[in-house]
Amino acid sequence: MTKRNERGPFASAIVFPGGVVDQDDYAEGWGPFLQSGAELSAEERALRICAFRETWEEVAILPCGKPGAVADDRASPCTFIEYVRRAGTPLALDEMVPFSHWITPESAPKRFDTHFYICQERSMSPGQCDGTETVALEWIQPRLALAGAERGDRSFLLPTHENLKLLARSESSAEAIAAARIRTIVPITPRRIVIGDTVTFTVTPPSE
């Protein structure tokens, strides 16, 4: 998990690595650098490439990469597709598994349509935050993250909190990925409830 910088809509929030899909994520030139995913739609392919790219950019990890791979090549700036070409590690799009899909309420001043993915990290890299978008990084078990929130040691945005609860149902990453593969991903839009001066949001938890 990463801590965002003090600017922007998620200032200082503790979140999963991620960001906005770029036009380059749709590029036809990706073909030779994809290990799998030929059956995916152009939109889904771009979403998964974005998940790889944002993780590489924000925490210097190339998900699903080969053991021992070092993803931090940011000292020599290059495009993500160029890095993948030089690293010789085609993206395994089938291993970037859809986990959940959140859409902000219509009443929100700024709206997001966010797809969350889950995959294994094989390189054993501890990661490194970029110091710009992300200012801190930690590996933490979902249950421990939730326990910290219960104690008041940390707080999470609603989608992050609910995703952690869903992750905590599994005993391992392999089990969480297996559960995600068979789960029907239904878009979740929180419902805003106002009672007096109190505003809360409710969600329908994702089913297994």
N, C-alpha and C. Protein backbone atom coordinates (compact mmCIF):
# COMPACT_ATOMS: atom_id res chain seq x y z
N MET A 1 0.85 -1.18 0.00
CA MET A 1 0.00 0.00 0.00
C MET A 1 0.89 1.23 0.00
N THR A 2 0.38 2.32 -0.56
CA THR A 2 1.17 3.54 -0.66
C THR A 2 0.43 4.71 -0.02
N LYS A 3 1.20 5.71 0.35
CA LYS A 3 0.62 6.95 0.86
C LYS A 3 0.77 8.01 -0.21
N ARG A 4 -0.35 8.65 -0.56
CA ARG A 4 -0.32 9.68 -1.58
C ARG A 4 0.33 10.95 -1.04
N ASN A 5 0.72 11.83 -1.96
CA ASN A 5 1.27 13.11 -1.52
C ASN A 5 0.17 13.99 -0.94
N GLU A 6 0.51 15.19 -0.54
CA GLU A 6 -0.44 16.07 0.14
C GLU A 6 -1.30 16.87 -0.81
N ARG A 7 -1.19 16.62 -2.11
CA ARG A 7 -1.97 17.36 -3.09
C ARG A 7 -3.00 16.44 -3.74
N GLY A 8 -3.97 17.04 -4.42
CA GLY A 8 -4.91 16.26 -5.20
C GLY A 8 -6.10 15.77 -4.40
N PRO A 9 -7.02 15.05 -5.08
CA PRO A 9 -8.27 14.63 -4.43
C PRO A 9 -8.08 13.57 -3.35
N PHE A 10 -6.95 12.84 -3.36
CA PHE A 10 -6.72 11.80 -2.36
C PHE A 10 -5.51 12.16 -1.51
N ALA A 11 -5.40 13.41 -1.13
CA ALA A 11 -4.23 13.91 -0.40
C ALA A 11 -3.95 13.07 0.84
N SER A 12 -2.73 12.56 0.94
CA SER A 12 -2.22 11.80 2.09
C SER A 12 -2.98 10.50 2.35
N ALA A 13 -3.82 10.08 1.42
CA ALA A 13 -4.57 8.84 1.61
C ALA A 13 -3.66 7.63 1.46
N ILE A 14 -3.98 6.56 2.19
CA ILE A 14 -3.28 5.28 2.04
C ILE A 14 -4.09 4.44 1.07
N VAL A 15 -3.48 4.11 -0.05
CA VAL A 15 -4.21 3.48 -1.15
C VAL A 15 -3.37 2.37 -1.78
N PHE A 16 -3.96 1.68 -2.74
CA PHE A 16 -3.21 0.76 -3.58
C PHE A 16 -2.61 1.55 -4.75
N PRO A 17 -1.49 1.10 -5.30
CA PRO A 17 -0.96 1.80 -6.47
C PRO A 17 -2.00 1.84 -7.59
N GLY A 18 -2.02 2.92 -8.34
CA GLY A 18 -2.98 3.01 -9.44
C GLY A 18 -3.04 4.41 -10.02
N GLY A 19 -3.77 4.55 -11.09
CA GLY A 19 -3.89 5.85 -11.72
C GLY A 19 -4.76 5.80 -12.96
N VAL A 20 -4.63 6.82 -13.79
CA VAL A 20 -5.50 7.02 -14.94
C VAL A 20 -4.94 6.30 -16.17
N VAL A 21 -5.82 5.71 -16.96
CA VAL A 21 -5.42 5.06 -18.21
C VAL A 21 -4.90 6.12 -19.18
N ASP A 22 -3.74 5.86 -19.78
CA ASP A 22 -3.15 6.74 -20.78
C ASP A 22 -3.50 6.25 -22.18
N GLN A 23 -3.41 7.15 -23.15
CA GLN A 23 -3.65 6.75 -24.53
C GLN A 23 -2.65 5.69 -24.97
N ASP A 24 -1.41 5.77 -24.45
CA ASP A 24 -0.39 4.77 -24.82
C ASP A 24 -0.76 3.36 -24.37
N ASP A 25 -1.64 3.26 -23.35
CA ASP A 25 -2.06 1.93 -22.89
C ASP A 25 -2.91 1.22 -23.94
N TYR A 26 -3.44 1.99 -24.92
CA TYR A 26 -4.24 1.42 -26.00
C TYR A 26 -3.40 1.12 -27.24
N ALA A 27 -2.13 1.47 -27.24
CA ALA A 27 -1.30 1.41 -28.44
C ALA A 27 -1.27 0.02 -29.07
N GLU A 28 -1.41 -0.02 -30.39
CA GLU A 28 -1.35 -1.29 -31.12
C GLU A 28 0.02 -1.93 -30.99
N GLY A 29 1.06 -1.12 -30.77
CA GLY A 29 2.42 -1.64 -30.69
C GLY A 29 2.68 -2.54 -29.51
N TRP A 30 1.72 -2.68 -28.60
CA TRP A 30 1.91 -3.56 -27.45
C TRP A 30 1.96 -5.04 -27.82
N GLY A 31 1.41 -5.41 -28.95
CA GLY A 31 1.29 -6.82 -29.31
C GLY A 31 2.48 -7.71 -29.00
N PRO A 32 3.70 -7.38 -29.47
CA PRO A 32 4.86 -8.24 -29.23
C PRO A 32 5.30 -8.31 -27.77
N PHE A 33 4.79 -7.38 -26.95
CA PHE A 33 5.24 -7.30 -25.57
C PHE A 33 4.19 -7.77 -24.58
N LEU A 34 3.22 -8.53 -25.09
CA LEU A 34 2.18 -9.10 -24.25
C LEU A 34 2.29 -10.61 -24.30
N GLN A 35 2.38 -11.21 -23.12
CA GLN A 35 2.53 -12.67 -23.02
C GLN A 35 1.19 -13.37 -23.23
N SER A 36 0.11 -12.65 -22.96
CA SER A 36 -1.23 -13.23 -23.05
C SER A 36 -2.23 -12.09 -23.18
N GLY A 37 -3.49 -12.45 -23.34
CA GLY A 37 -4.54 -11.44 -23.37
C GLY A 37 -5.08 -11.12 -24.75
N ALA A 38 -4.77 -11.96 -25.75
CA ALA A 38 -5.22 -11.68 -27.11
C ALA A 38 -6.74 -11.66 -27.20
N GLU A 39 -7.39 -12.38 -26.28
CA GLU A 39 -8.86 -12.47 -26.34
C GLU A 39 -9.56 -11.28 -25.69
N LEU A 40 -8.80 -10.40 -25.03
CA LEU A 40 -9.40 -9.28 -24.31
C LEU A 40 -9.85 -8.18 -25.27
N SER A 41 -10.88 -7.45 -24.85
CA SER A 41 -11.30 -6.28 -25.62
C SER A 41 -10.23 -5.21 -25.51
N ALA A 42 -10.26 -4.24 -26.41
CA ALA A 42 -9.27 -3.16 -26.37
C ALA A 42 -9.34 -2.40 -25.06
N GLU A 43 -10.54 -2.22 -24.54
CA GLU A 43 -10.72 -1.49 -23.28
C GLU A 43 -10.13 -2.27 -22.11
N GLU A 44 -10.43 -3.56 -22.04
CA GLU A 44 -9.92 -4.37 -20.93
C GLU A 44 -8.41 -4.53 -21.02
N ARG A 45 -7.89 -4.67 -22.23
CA ARG A 45 -6.45 -4.77 -22.40
C ARG A 45 -5.76 -3.51 -21.89
N ALA A 46 -6.30 -2.34 -22.24
CA ALA A 46 -5.72 -1.07 -21.79
C ALA A 46 -5.80 -0.92 -20.28
N LEU A 47 -6.89 -1.36 -19.67
CA LEU A 47 -7.03 -1.28 -18.22
C LEU A 47 -5.95 -2.11 -17.53
N ARG A 48 -5.69 -3.30 -18.05
CA ARG A 48 -4.69 -4.17 -17.42
C ARG A 48 -3.27 -3.64 -17.66
N ILE A 49 -3.01 -3.15 -18.85
CA ILE A 49 -1.70 -2.54 -19.10
C ILE A 49 -1.50 -1.35 -18.16
N CYS A 50 -2.55 -0.57 -17.96
CA CYS A 50 -2.47 0.56 -17.03
C CYS A 50 -2.14 0.09 -15.62
N ALA A 51 -2.72 -1.02 -15.19
CA ALA A 51 -2.44 -1.55 -13.86
C ALA A 51 -0.96 -1.91 -13.72
N PHE A 52 -0.40 -2.52 -14.75
CA PHE A 52 1.04 -2.82 -14.76
C PHE A 52 1.84 -1.53 -14.71
N ARG A 53 1.51 -0.60 -15.59
CA ARG A 53 2.30 0.63 -15.73
C ARG A 53 2.28 1.47 -14.46
N GLU A 54 1.11 1.65 -13.88
CA GLU A 54 1.02 2.50 -12.69
C GLU A 54 1.78 1.89 -11.51
N THR A 55 1.77 0.57 -11.40
CA THR A 55 2.54 -0.08 -10.34
C THR A 55 4.03 0.13 -10.55
N TRP A 56 4.45 0.02 -11.80
CA TRP A 56 5.87 0.28 -12.15
C TRP A 56 6.25 1.72 -11.87
N GLU A 57 5.39 2.66 -12.26
CA GLU A 57 5.70 4.08 -12.09
C GLU A 57 5.71 4.50 -10.62
N GLU A 58 4.75 4.00 -9.84
CA GLU A 58 4.57 4.49 -8.48
C GLU A 58 5.43 3.77 -7.45
N VAL A 59 5.66 2.47 -7.64
CA VAL A 59 6.40 1.73 -6.61
C VAL A 59 7.53 0.86 -7.17
N ALA A 60 7.89 1.08 -8.43
CA ALA A 60 9.04 0.38 -9.04
C ALA A 60 8.92 -1.13 -8.97
N ILE A 61 7.71 -1.64 -9.20
CA ILE A 61 7.49 -3.09 -9.25
C ILE A 61 6.78 -3.41 -10.54
N LEU A 62 7.26 -4.43 -11.25
CA LEU A 62 6.59 -4.92 -12.44
C LEU A 62 5.81 -6.17 -12.04
N PRO A 63 4.50 -6.06 -11.84
CA PRO A 63 3.71 -7.21 -11.37
C PRO A 63 3.86 -8.42 -12.28
N CYS A 64 3.79 -9.59 -11.69
CA CYS A 64 3.85 -10.86 -12.41
C CYS A 64 5.18 -11.06 -13.12
N GLY A 65 6.18 -10.25 -12.80
CA GLY A 65 7.47 -10.37 -13.47
C GLY A 65 8.24 -11.60 -13.02
N LYS A 66 9.30 -11.90 -13.72
CA LYS A 66 10.08 -13.09 -13.38
C LYS A 66 10.85 -12.85 -12.08
N PRO A 67 11.11 -13.91 -11.30
CA PRO A 67 11.86 -13.76 -10.05
C PRO A 67 13.21 -13.08 -10.28
N GLY A 68 13.53 -12.16 -9.40
CA GLY A 68 14.80 -11.47 -9.49
C GLY A 68 14.78 -10.26 -10.39
N ALA A 69 13.66 -10.02 -11.07
CA ALA A 69 13.58 -8.86 -11.95
C ALA A 69 13.62 -7.57 -11.15
N VAL A 70 14.29 -6.58 -11.67
CA VAL A 70 14.36 -5.27 -11.02
C VAL A 70 13.62 -4.29 -11.91
N ALA A 71 12.56 -3.71 -11.39
CA ALA A 71 11.72 -2.84 -12.21
C ALA A 71 12.12 -1.38 -12.13
N ASP A 72 12.96 -1.00 -11.17
CA ASP A 72 13.26 0.42 -10.99
C ASP A 72 14.32 0.87 -12.01
N ASP A 73 13.84 1.33 -13.15
CA ASP A 73 14.72 1.84 -14.18
C ASP A 73 14.43 3.32 -14.42
N ARG A 74 13.91 3.98 -13.40
CA ARG A 74 13.46 5.35 -13.58
C ARG A 74 14.62 6.33 -13.63
N ALA A 75 15.84 5.89 -13.30
CA ALA A 75 17.00 6.77 -13.41
C ALA A 75 17.27 7.09 -14.88
N SER A 76 16.84 6.19 -15.77
CA SER A 76 16.95 6.42 -17.21
C SER A 76 15.54 6.48 -17.77
N PRO A 77 14.94 7.66 -17.77
CA PRO A 77 13.53 7.80 -18.15
C PRO A 77 13.23 7.21 -19.52
N CYS A 78 12.14 6.48 -19.60
CA CYS A 78 11.70 5.90 -20.86
C CYS A 78 10.22 5.63 -20.74
N THR A 79 9.58 5.36 -21.86
CA THR A 79 8.17 4.99 -21.80
C THR A 79 8.04 3.60 -21.21
N PHE A 80 6.85 3.27 -20.74
CA PHE A 80 6.65 1.96 -20.14
C PHE A 80 6.85 0.85 -21.17
N ILE A 81 6.34 1.05 -22.38
CA ILE A 81 6.50 0.00 -23.40
C ILE A 81 7.97 -0.20 -23.73
N GLU A 82 8.76 0.88 -23.69
CA GLU A 82 10.19 0.75 -23.94
C GLU A 82 10.86 -0.01 -22.80
N TYR A 83 10.44 0.25 -21.56
CA TYR A 83 11.01 -0.49 -20.43
C TYR A 83 10.70 -1.98 -20.56
N VAL A 84 9.46 -2.32 -20.88
CA VAL A 84 9.08 -3.73 -21.01
C VAL A 84 9.90 -4.39 -22.12
N ARG A 85 10.12 -3.68 -23.22
CA ARG A 85 10.92 -4.22 -24.31
C ARG A 85 12.35 -4.50 -23.85
N ARG A 86 12.96 -3.54 -23.13
CA ARG A 86 14.34 -3.71 -22.68
C ARG A 86 14.45 -4.78 -21.60
N ALA A 87 13.43 -4.87 -20.74
CA ALA A 87 13.47 -5.84 -19.64
C ALA A 87 13.28 -7.27 -20.14
N GLY A 88 12.68 -7.42 -21.33
CA GLY A 88 12.46 -8.75 -21.87
C GLY A 88 11.44 -9.55 -21.07
N THR A 89 10.48 -8.84 -20.45
CA THR A 89 9.45 -9.50 -19.66
C THR A 89 8.08 -9.10 -20.18
N PRO A 90 7.55 -9.82 -21.18
CA PRO A 90 6.22 -9.49 -21.70
C PRO A 90 5.18 -9.52 -20.59
N LEU A 91 4.19 -8.65 -20.70
CA LEU A 91 3.16 -8.55 -19.67
C LEU A 91 2.20 -9.74 -19.75
N ALA A 92 2.02 -10.41 -18.62
CA ALA A 92 1.09 -11.54 -18.55
C ALA A 92 -0.29 -11.00 -18.17
N LEU A 93 -1.03 -10.52 -19.16
CA LEU A 93 -2.31 -9.87 -18.87
C LEU A 93 -3.31 -10.81 -18.22
N ASP A 94 -3.22 -12.11 -18.50
CA ASP A 94 -4.16 -13.04 -17.89
C ASP A 94 -3.92 -13.22 -16.39
N GLU A 95 -2.74 -12.81 -15.91
CA GLU A 95 -2.45 -12.92 -14.48
C GLU A 95 -2.84 -11.65 -13.72
N MET A 96 -3.24 -10.61 -14.45
CA MET A 96 -3.76 -9.39 -13.82
C MET A 96 -5.28 -9.56 -13.76
N VAL A 97 -5.77 -10.04 -12.62
CA VAL A 97 -7.14 -10.53 -12.50
C VAL A 97 -8.07 -9.43 -11.95
N PRO A 98 -9.21 -9.18 -12.61
CA PRO A 98 -10.17 -8.21 -12.08
C PRO A 98 -10.59 -8.57 -10.66
N PHE A 99 -10.61 -7.57 -9.78
CA PHE A 99 -10.92 -7.82 -8.37
C PHE A 99 -12.20 -7.10 -7.94
N SER A 100 -12.36 -5.84 -8.32
CA SER A 100 -13.59 -5.12 -8.01
C SER A 100 -13.68 -3.90 -8.91
N HIS A 101 -14.85 -3.28 -8.91
CA HIS A 101 -15.11 -2.13 -9.79
C HIS A 101 -15.97 -1.13 -9.02
N TRP A 102 -15.42 0.05 -8.81
CA TRP A 102 -16.10 1.08 -8.01
C TRP A 102 -16.35 2.33 -8.85
N ILE A 103 -17.55 2.87 -8.71
CA ILE A 103 -17.93 4.11 -9.38
C ILE A 103 -18.45 5.08 -8.32
N THR A 104 -17.92 6.30 -8.32
CA THR A 104 -18.35 7.27 -7.31
C THR A 104 -19.81 7.66 -7.52
N PRO A 105 -20.51 8.06 -6.45
CA PRO A 105 -21.92 8.47 -6.57
C PRO A 105 -22.08 9.67 -7.51
N GLU A 106 -23.24 9.79 -8.10
CA GLU A 106 -23.51 10.90 -9.02
C GLU A 106 -23.40 12.25 -8.32
N SER A 107 -23.61 12.27 -7.01
CA SER A 107 -23.57 13.52 -6.26
C SER A 107 -22.14 14.01 -5.99
N ALA A 108 -21.14 13.16 -6.23
CA ALA A 108 -19.76 13.52 -5.93
C ALA A 108 -19.30 14.66 -6.85
N PRO A 109 -18.55 15.64 -6.31
CA PRO A 109 -18.08 16.75 -7.15
C PRO A 109 -17.10 16.31 -8.23
N LYS A 110 -16.34 15.25 -7.96
CA LYS A 110 -15.43 14.70 -8.96
C LYS A 110 -15.64 13.19 -8.97
N ARG A 111 -15.90 12.63 -10.13
CA ARG A 111 -16.29 11.23 -10.20
C ARG A 111 -15.17 10.37 -10.77
N PHE A 112 -15.13 9.11 -10.32
CA PHE A 112 -14.14 8.16 -10.79
C PHE A 112 -14.82 6.83 -11.12
N ASP A 113 -14.32 6.19 -12.15
CA ASP A 113 -14.75 4.85 -12.55
C ASP A 113 -13.51 3.99 -12.43
N THR A 114 -13.38 3.25 -11.32
CA THR A 114 -12.11 2.62 -10.96
C THR A 114 -12.21 1.10 -10.96
N HIS A 115 -11.30 0.49 -11.70
CA HIS A 115 -11.20 -0.96 -11.75
C HIS A 115 -10.00 -1.38 -10.90
N PHE A 116 -10.22 -2.31 -9.98
CA PHE A 116 -9.14 -2.85 -9.14
C PHE A 116 -8.77 -4.24 -9.66
N TYR A 117 -7.46 -4.52 -9.62
CA TYR A 117 -6.94 -5.81 -10.08
C TYR A 117 -6.07 -6.43 -9.01
N ILE A 118 -5.89 -7.74 -9.11
CA ILE A 118 -5.03 -8.46 -8.17
C ILE A 118 -4.11 -9.39 -8.96
N CYS A 119 -2.88 -9.52 -8.51
CA CYS A 119 -1.93 -10.43 -9.16
C CYS A 119 -0.85 -10.79 -8.16
N GLN A 120 0.00 -11.72 -8.53
CA GLN A 120 1.12 -12.09 -7.67
C GLN A 120 2.35 -11.28 -8.02
N GLU A 121 3.20 -11.05 -7.04
CA GLU A 121 4.46 -10.33 -7.21
C GLU A 121 5.58 -11.33 -7.00
N ARG A 122 6.28 -11.67 -8.07
CA ARG A 122 7.27 -12.75 -8.00
C ARG A 122 8.70 -12.25 -7.85
N SER A 123 8.95 -10.99 -8.13
CA SER A 123 10.33 -10.52 -8.16
C SER A 123 10.94 -10.41 -6.77
N MET A 124 10.10 -10.44 -5.73
CA MET A 124 10.54 -10.29 -4.34
C MET A 124 11.13 -8.90 -4.09
N SER A 125 10.78 -7.95 -4.94
CA SER A 125 11.25 -6.58 -4.75
C SER A 125 10.46 -5.92 -3.63
N PRO A 126 11.14 -5.19 -2.74
CA PRO A 126 10.41 -4.48 -1.68
C PRO A 126 9.67 -3.27 -2.23
N GLY A 127 10.01 -2.84 -3.44
CA GLY A 127 9.38 -1.67 -4.02
C GLY A 127 10.03 -0.39 -3.55
N GLN A 128 9.71 0.68 -4.23
CA GLN A 128 10.26 1.99 -3.88
C GLN A 128 9.30 3.06 -4.37
N CYS A 129 8.79 3.88 -3.46
CA CYS A 129 7.85 4.91 -3.86
C CYS A 129 8.57 5.96 -4.71
N ASP A 130 7.81 6.62 -5.59
CA ASP A 130 8.45 7.54 -6.53
C ASP A 130 8.78 8.89 -5.90
N GLY A 131 8.27 9.16 -4.70
CA GLY A 131 8.59 10.41 -4.03
C GLY A 131 7.81 11.59 -4.56
N THR A 132 7.02 11.39 -5.58
CA THR A 132 6.20 12.46 -6.16
C THR A 132 4.73 12.20 -5.93
N GLU A 133 4.20 11.18 -6.61
CA GLU A 133 2.81 10.81 -6.37
C GLU A 133 2.67 10.05 -5.06
N THR A 134 3.65 9.17 -4.79
CA THR A 134 3.62 8.38 -3.57
C THR A 134 4.81 8.75 -2.69
N VAL A 135 4.57 8.90 -1.39
CA VAL A 135 5.63 9.34 -0.48
C VAL A 135 5.98 8.29 0.56
N ALA A 136 5.27 7.19 0.60
CA ALA A 136 5.58 6.10 1.52
C ALA A 136 5.00 4.81 0.96
N LEU A 137 5.58 3.68 1.36
CA LEU A 137 5.15 2.38 0.85
C LEU A 137 5.29 1.35 1.95
N GLU A 138 4.36 0.40 2.02
CA GLU A 138 4.48 -0.70 2.97
C GLU A 138 3.78 -1.94 2.44
N TRP A 139 4.34 -3.10 2.78
CA TRP A 139 3.68 -4.37 2.55
C TRP A 139 2.99 -4.73 3.87
N ILE A 140 1.70 -5.01 3.80
CA ILE A 140 0.97 -5.29 5.03
C ILE A 140 -0.16 -6.28 4.74
N GLN A 141 -0.39 -7.19 5.67
CA GLN A 141 -1.49 -8.13 5.51
C GLN A 141 -2.82 -7.39 5.66
N PRO A 142 -3.82 -7.74 4.86
CA PRO A 142 -5.10 -7.04 4.93
C PRO A 142 -5.69 -6.97 6.34
N ARG A 143 -5.61 -8.08 7.08
CA ARG A 143 -6.19 -8.08 8.43
C ARG A 143 -5.48 -7.08 9.34
N LEU A 144 -4.16 -6.96 9.19
CA LEU A 144 -3.41 -6.02 10.02
C LEU A 144 -3.73 -4.58 9.64
N ALA A 145 -3.93 -4.34 8.34
CA ALA A 145 -4.31 -3.00 7.91
C ALA A 145 -5.67 -2.61 8.48
N LEU A 146 -6.61 -3.54 8.45
CA LEU A 146 -7.95 -3.28 9.00
C LEU A 146 -7.90 -3.09 10.51
N ALA A 147 -7.05 -3.88 11.18
CA ALA A 147 -6.91 -3.74 12.63
C ALA A 147 -6.36 -2.35 12.97
N GLY A 148 -5.43 -1.86 12.15
CA GLY A 148 -4.89 -0.53 12.37
C GLY A 148 -5.96 0.54 12.22
N ALA A 149 -6.87 0.34 11.27
CA ALA A 149 -7.97 1.28 11.10
C ALA A 149 -8.90 1.25 12.31
N GLU A 150 -9.14 0.06 12.85
CA GLU A 150 -9.99 -0.08 14.04
C GLU A 150 -9.39 0.66 15.23
N ARG A 151 -8.07 0.64 15.34
CA ARG A 151 -7.39 1.32 16.45
C ARG A 151 -7.27 2.82 16.20
N GLY A 152 -7.52 3.23 14.97
CA GLY A 152 -7.36 4.64 14.65
C GLY A 152 -5.95 5.00 14.22
N ASP A 153 -5.11 3.98 13.96
CA ASP A 153 -3.73 4.23 13.53
C ASP A 153 -3.66 4.68 12.08
N ARG A 154 -4.67 4.35 11.30
CA ARG A 154 -4.70 4.71 9.90
C ARG A 154 -6.15 4.77 9.45
N SER A 155 -6.38 5.44 8.35
CA SER A 155 -7.74 5.49 7.81
C SER A 155 -7.68 5.25 6.31
N PHE A 156 -8.77 4.75 5.76
CA PHE A 156 -8.82 4.40 4.35
C PHE A 156 -10.05 5.01 3.69
N LEU A 157 -9.93 5.29 2.41
CA LEU A 157 -11.10 5.64 1.63
C LEU A 157 -12.03 4.43 1.60
N LEU A 158 -13.31 4.67 1.39
CA LEU A 158 -14.29 3.59 1.45
C LEU A 158 -13.95 2.43 0.51
N PRO A 159 -13.64 2.66 -0.77
CA PRO A 159 -13.31 1.51 -1.63
C PRO A 159 -12.10 0.73 -1.13
N THR A 160 -11.09 1.43 -0.63
CA THR A 160 -9.89 0.76 -0.11
C THR A 160 -10.25 -0.11 1.07
N HIS A 161 -11.04 0.42 1.98
CA HIS A 161 -11.45 -0.32 3.18
C HIS A 161 -12.23 -1.58 2.80
N GLU A 162 -13.17 -1.43 1.86
CA GLU A 162 -13.99 -2.58 1.47
C GLU A 162 -13.17 -3.61 0.70
N ASN A 163 -12.22 -3.17 -0.10
CA ASN A 163 -11.35 -4.12 -0.79
C ASN A 163 -10.46 -4.88 0.18
N LEU A 164 -9.98 -4.20 1.22
CA LEU A 164 -9.20 -4.88 2.25
C LEU A 164 -10.04 -5.94 2.95
N LYS A 165 -11.30 -5.63 3.24
CA LYS A 165 -12.19 -6.61 3.87
C LYS A 165 -12.37 -7.83 2.96
N LEU A 166 -12.49 -7.57 1.66
CA LEU A 166 -12.65 -8.68 0.73
C LEU A 166 -11.38 -9.51 0.65
N LEU A 167 -10.22 -8.85 0.65
CA LEU A 167 -8.94 -9.57 0.65
C LEU A 167 -8.78 -10.40 1.92
N ALA A 168 -9.23 -9.86 3.04
CA ALA A 168 -9.04 -10.52 4.33
C ALA A 168 -9.83 -11.82 4.45
N ARG A 169 -10.74 -12.07 3.52
CA ARG A 169 -11.48 -13.33 3.54
C ARG A 169 -10.58 -14.51 3.14
N SER A 170 -9.47 -14.20 2.48
CA SER A 170 -8.58 -15.24 1.98
C SER A 170 -7.36 -15.38 2.88
N GLU A 171 -6.78 -16.57 2.91
CA GLU A 171 -5.62 -16.85 3.75
C GLU A 171 -4.30 -16.59 3.03
N SER A 172 -4.35 -16.43 1.72
CA SER A 172 -3.12 -16.23 0.96
C SER A 172 -3.44 -15.48 -0.32
N SER A 173 -2.39 -14.98 -0.98
CA SER A 173 -2.60 -14.30 -2.25
C SER A 173 -3.18 -15.25 -3.29
N ALA A 174 -2.69 -16.50 -3.30
CA ALA A 174 -3.19 -17.47 -4.26
C ALA A 174 -4.69 -17.71 -4.07
N GLU A 175 -5.11 -17.79 -2.81
CA GLU A 175 -6.53 -18.01 -2.53
C GLU A 175 -7.36 -16.79 -2.93
N ALA A 176 -6.83 -15.59 -2.70
CA ALA A 176 -7.54 -14.36 -3.06
C ALA A 176 -7.68 -14.25 -4.58
N ILE A 177 -6.63 -14.64 -5.31
CA ILE A 177 -6.67 -14.59 -6.77
C ILE A 177 -7.66 -15.62 -7.31
N ALA A 178 -7.64 -16.81 -6.74
CA ALA A 178 -8.57 -17.85 -7.17
C ALA A 178 -10.02 -17.41 -6.94
N ALA A 179 -10.28 -16.76 -5.82
CA ALA A 179 -11.63 -16.28 -5.52
C ALA A 179 -12.03 -15.19 -6.51
N ALA A 180 -11.08 -14.32 -6.85
CA ALA A 180 -11.39 -13.23 -7.78
C ALA A 180 -11.71 -13.78 -9.17
N ARG A 181 -11.04 -14.85 -9.57
CA ARG A 181 -11.26 -15.41 -10.92
C ARG A 181 -12.68 -15.93 -11.10
N ILE A 182 -13.31 -16.39 -10.03
CA ILE A 182 -14.66 -16.95 -10.17
C ILE A 182 -15.74 -15.99 -9.70
N ARG A 183 -15.34 -14.84 -9.17
CA ARG A 183 -16.32 -13.87 -8.68
C ARG A 183 -16.86 -13.03 -9.85
N THR A 184 -18.16 -12.81 -9.87
CA THR A 184 -18.75 -11.91 -10.85
C THR A 184 -18.52 -10.48 -10.38
N ILE A 185 -17.81 -9.70 -11.20
CA ILE A 185 -17.49 -8.33 -10.83
C ILE A 185 -18.66 -7.42 -11.20
N VAL A 186 -19.31 -6.88 -10.19
CA VAL A 186 -20.45 -5.98 -10.38
C VAL A 186 -20.05 -4.58 -9.95
N PRO A 187 -20.25 -3.56 -10.78
CA PRO A 187 -19.89 -2.20 -10.37
C PRO A 187 -20.60 -1.79 -9.08
N ILE A 188 -19.84 -1.19 -8.17
CA ILE A 188 -20.37 -0.76 -6.88
C ILE A 188 -20.39 0.77 -6.84
N THR A 189 -21.55 1.32 -6.57
CA THR A 189 -21.68 2.77 -6.38
C THR A 189 -22.23 3.01 -4.98
N PRO A 190 -21.44 3.58 -4.09
CA PRO A 190 -21.93 3.83 -2.73
C PRO A 190 -23.16 4.73 -2.74
N ARG A 191 -24.02 4.53 -1.76
CA ARG A 191 -25.22 5.35 -1.65
C ARG A 191 -25.05 6.33 -0.49
N ARG A 192 -25.28 7.60 -0.77
CA ARG A 192 -25.11 8.66 0.22
C ARG A 192 -26.36 8.78 1.08
N ILE A 193 -26.16 8.75 2.40
CA ILE A 193 -27.27 8.86 3.35
C ILE A 193 -27.01 10.04 4.28
N VAL A 194 -27.98 10.94 4.37
CA VAL A 194 -27.86 12.11 5.25
C VAL A 194 -28.89 12.01 6.35
N ILE A 195 -28.40 11.99 7.59
CA ILE A 195 -29.28 11.98 8.77
C ILE A 195 -28.87 13.15 9.65
N GLY A 196 -29.67 14.20 9.64
CA GLY A 196 -29.31 15.41 10.39
C GLY A 196 -28.05 16.02 9.82
N ASP A 197 -27.04 16.17 10.67
CA ASP A 197 -25.76 16.74 10.23
C ASP A 197 -24.75 15.66 9.85
N THR A 198 -25.17 14.39 9.86
CA THR A 198 -24.26 13.28 9.60
C THR A 198 -24.45 12.75 8.19
N VAL A 199 -23.35 12.59 7.47
CA VAL A 199 -23.37 12.02 6.12
C VAL A 199 -22.61 10.71 6.14
N THR A 200 -23.23 9.65 5.69
CA THR A 200 -22.57 8.34 5.62
C THR A 200 -22.80 7.75 4.24
N PHE A 201 -22.05 6.70 3.94
CA PHE A 201 -22.22 5.99 2.68
C PHE A 201 -22.40 4.51 2.97
N THR A 202 -23.28 3.88 2.23
CA THR A 202 -23.48 2.45 2.38
C THR A 202 -23.15 1.77 1.06
N VAL A 203 -22.71 0.52 1.15
CA VAL A 203 -22.42 -0.27 -0.05
C VAL A 203 -22.97 -1.66 0.15
N THR A 204 -23.21 -2.32 -0.97
CA THR A 204 -23.55 -3.74 -0.93
C THR A 204 -22.26 -4.51 -1.12
N PRO A 205 -21.81 -5.26 -0.11
CA PRO A 205 -20.52 -5.95 -0.21
C PRO A 205 -20.48 -6.88 -1.41
N PRO A 206 -19.32 -6.97 -2.11
CA PRO A 206 -19.18 -7.92 -3.22
C PRO A 206 -19.39 -9.35 -2.72
N SER A 207 -20.03 -10.14 -3.53
CA SER A 207 -20.25 -11.53 -3.15
C SER A 207 -19.15 -12.40 -3.70
N GLU A 208 -18.98 -13.56 -3.10
CA GLU A 208 -17.98 -14.51 -3.58
C GLU A 208 -18.53 -15.26 -4.79
